[in-house]
C-alpha atoms as a PDB file:
ATOM      1  CA  MET A   1      68.444  85.937  18.330  1.00  0.00           C
ATOM      2  CA  ALA A   2      68.374  82.552  19.549  1.00  0.00           C
ATOM      3  CA  ILE A   3      72.115  82.735  20.072  1.00  0.00           C
ATOM      4  CA  LEU A   4      72.029  85.582  22.424  1.00  0.00           C
ATOM      5  CA  LEU A   5      69.309  83.904  24.760  1.00  0.00           C
ATOM      6  CA  SER A   6      71.381  80.799  24.985  1.00  0.00           C
ATOM      7  CA  ALA A   7      74.470  82.506  26.124  1.00  0.00           C
ATOM      8  CA  CYS A   8      72.600  83.973  29.312  1.00  0.00           C
ATOM      9  CA  THR A   9      71.719  80.354  30.331  1.00  0.00           C
ATOM     10  CA  LYS A  10      75.205  79.155  31.215  1.00  0.00           C
ATOM     11  CA  PRO A  11      76.033  79.348  34.832  1.00  0.00           C
ATOM     12  CA  ALA A  12      78.699  81.771  36.082  1.00  0.00           C
ATOM     13  CA  PRO A  13      81.962  79.960  36.681  1.00  0.00           C
ATOM     14  CA  ARG A  14      82.928  79.461  40.113  1.00  0.00           C
ATOM     15  CA  VAL A  15      85.927  81.273  41.453  1.00  0.00           C
ATOM     16  CA  ILE A  16      88.229  78.967  43.339  1.00  0.00           C
ATOM     17  CA  LEU A  17      90.970  80.650  45.604  1.00  0.00           C
ATOM     18  CA  ALA A  18      93.975  78.894  46.370  1.00  0.00           C
ATOM     19  CA  PRO A  19      95.278  78.952  49.930  1.00  0.00           C
ATOM     20  CA  HIS A  20      98.295  80.768  50.685  1.00  0.00           C
ATOM     21  CA  PRO A  21     101.196  78.924  51.751  1.00  0.00           C
ATOM     22  CA  VAL A  22     101.712  78.824  55.425  1.00  0.00           C
ATOM     23  CA  PRO A  23     104.779  77.048  56.793  1.00  0.00           C
ATOM     24  CA  PRO A  24     103.912  73.866  58.985  1.00  0.00           C
ATOM     25  CA  ASP A  25     106.181  75.257  61.797  1.00  0.00           C
ATOM     26  CA  LEU A  26     103.709  78.082  62.328  1.00  0.00           C
ATOM     27  CA  LEU A  27     100.892  75.590  62.523  1.00  0.00           C
ATOM     28  CA  ARG A  28     102.558  73.667  65.265  1.00  0.00           C
ATOM     29  CA  PRO A  29     101.366  74.308  68.931  1.00  0.00           C
ATOM     30  CA  CYS A  30     103.366  76.126  71.219  1.00  0.00           C
ATOM     31  CA  ALA A  31     104.410  74.319  74.609  1.00  0.00           C
ATOM     32  CA  GLY A  32     103.476  75.486  77.692  1.00  0.00           C
ATOM     33  CA  TYR A  33     103.648  74.005  81.359  1.00  0.00           C
ATOM     34  CA  ARG A  34     103.351  70.469  81.500  1.00  0.00           C
ATOM     35  CA  GLY A  35     104.200  69.629  84.952  1.00  0.00           C
ATOM     36  CA  PRO A  36     102.512  68.626  88.048  1.00  0.00           C
ATOM     37  CA  LEU A  37     100.543  71.280  89.953  1.00  0.00           C
ATOM     38  CA  PRO A  38     102.888  73.880  91.333  1.00  0.00           C
ATOM     39  CA  ARG A  39     103.360  73.214  95.388  1.00  0.00           C
ATOM     40  CA  THR A  40     106.183  75.610  96.031  1.00  0.00           C
ATOM     41  CA  GLU A  41     107.055  79.160  94.920  1.00  0.00           C
ATOM     42  CA  GLY A  42     109.911  77.985  92.757  1.00  0.00           C
ATOM     43  CA  THR A  43     107.459  75.743  90.630  1.00  0.00           C
ATOM     44  CA  LEU A  44     105.080  78.159  90.522  1.00  0.00           C
ATOM     45  CA  ALA A  45     107.544  80.663  89.305  1.00  0.00           C
ATOM     46  CA  LYS A  46     108.695  78.181  86.477  1.00  0.00           C
ATOM     47  CA  ALA A  47     105.262  77.243  85.505  1.00  0.00           C
ATOM     48  CA  ILE A  48     104.254  80.778  85.251  1.00  0.00           C
ATOM     49  CA  ILE A  49     107.395  81.587  83.034  1.00  0.00           C
ATOM     50  CA  ALA A  50     106.527  78.584  80.733  1.00  0.00           C
ATOM     51  CA  GLU A  51     103.243  79.970  80.296  1.00  0.00           C
ATOM     52  CA  ALA A  52     104.281  83.120  79.280  1.00  0.00           C
ATOM     53  CA  GLN A  53     106.823  81.929  76.970  1.00  0.00           C
ATOM     54  CA  GLY A  54     104.176  79.329  75.372  1.00  0.00           C
ATOM     55  CA  ARG A  55     101.671  82.532  75.305  1.00  0.00           C
ATOM     56  CA  ALA A  56     104.297  84.601  73.417  1.00  0.00           C
ATOM     57  CA  CYS A  57     105.068  81.875  71.020  1.00  0.00           C
ATOM     58  CA  ALA A  58     101.767  81.320  69.875  1.00  0.00           C
ATOM     59  CA  ASN A  59     101.014  85.122  69.606  1.00  0.00           C
ATOM     60  CA  ALA A  60     104.243  85.481  67.362  1.00  0.00           C
ATOM     61  CA  ARG A  61     103.022  82.512  65.379  1.00  0.00           C
ATOM     62  CA  LEU A  62      99.465  84.142  64.971  1.00  0.00           C
ATOM     63  CA  ALA A  63     101.149  87.305  63.836  1.00  0.00           C
ATOM     64  CA  ALA A  64     103.164  85.683  61.172  1.00  0.00           C
ATOM     65  CA  VAL A  65     100.044  83.722  59.906  1.00  0.00           C
ATOM     66  CA  ALA A  66      98.156  86.847  59.951  1.00  0.00           C
ATOM     67  CA  GLU A  67     100.612  88.596  57.814  1.00  0.00           C
ATOM     68  CA  ILE A  68     101.091  85.988  55.161  1.00  0.00           C
ATOM     69  CA  LEU A  69      97.317  85.879  55.150  1.00  0.00           C
ATOM     70  CA  SER A  70      96.972  89.682  54.606  1.00  0.00           C
ATOM     71  CA  LYS A  71      99.594  90.011  51.642  1.00  0.00           C
ATOM     72  CA  PRO A  72      98.212  89.533  47.874  1.00  0.00           C
ATOM     73  CA  ASP A  73      98.647  86.578  46.275  1.00  0.00           C
ATOM     74  CA  PRO A  74     101.744  86.992  43.857  1.00  0.00           C
ATOM     75  CA  LYS A  75     100.072  84.916  41.362  1.00  0.00           C
ATOM     76  CA  ASP A  76      97.679  87.379  41.251  1.00  0.00           C
ATOM     77  CA  GLY A  77      99.702  89.835  39.519  1.00  0.00           C
END
């Protein structure tokens, strides 16, 4: 009887989940416009395009990371 009671006093083991491997290039920030404040229509257009490209890059990286994190871990079987 004492053996059965002592078995219940052990704490449950902690489960530690290993992180999914995310390629380092997906964790780097995307460049946007880094120039001076646009003063002409041409520089404003270039700034808008650079910001749009940076946003598209960031969104694509976020989507790739989300896809990696949503996949089941192959080590889990």
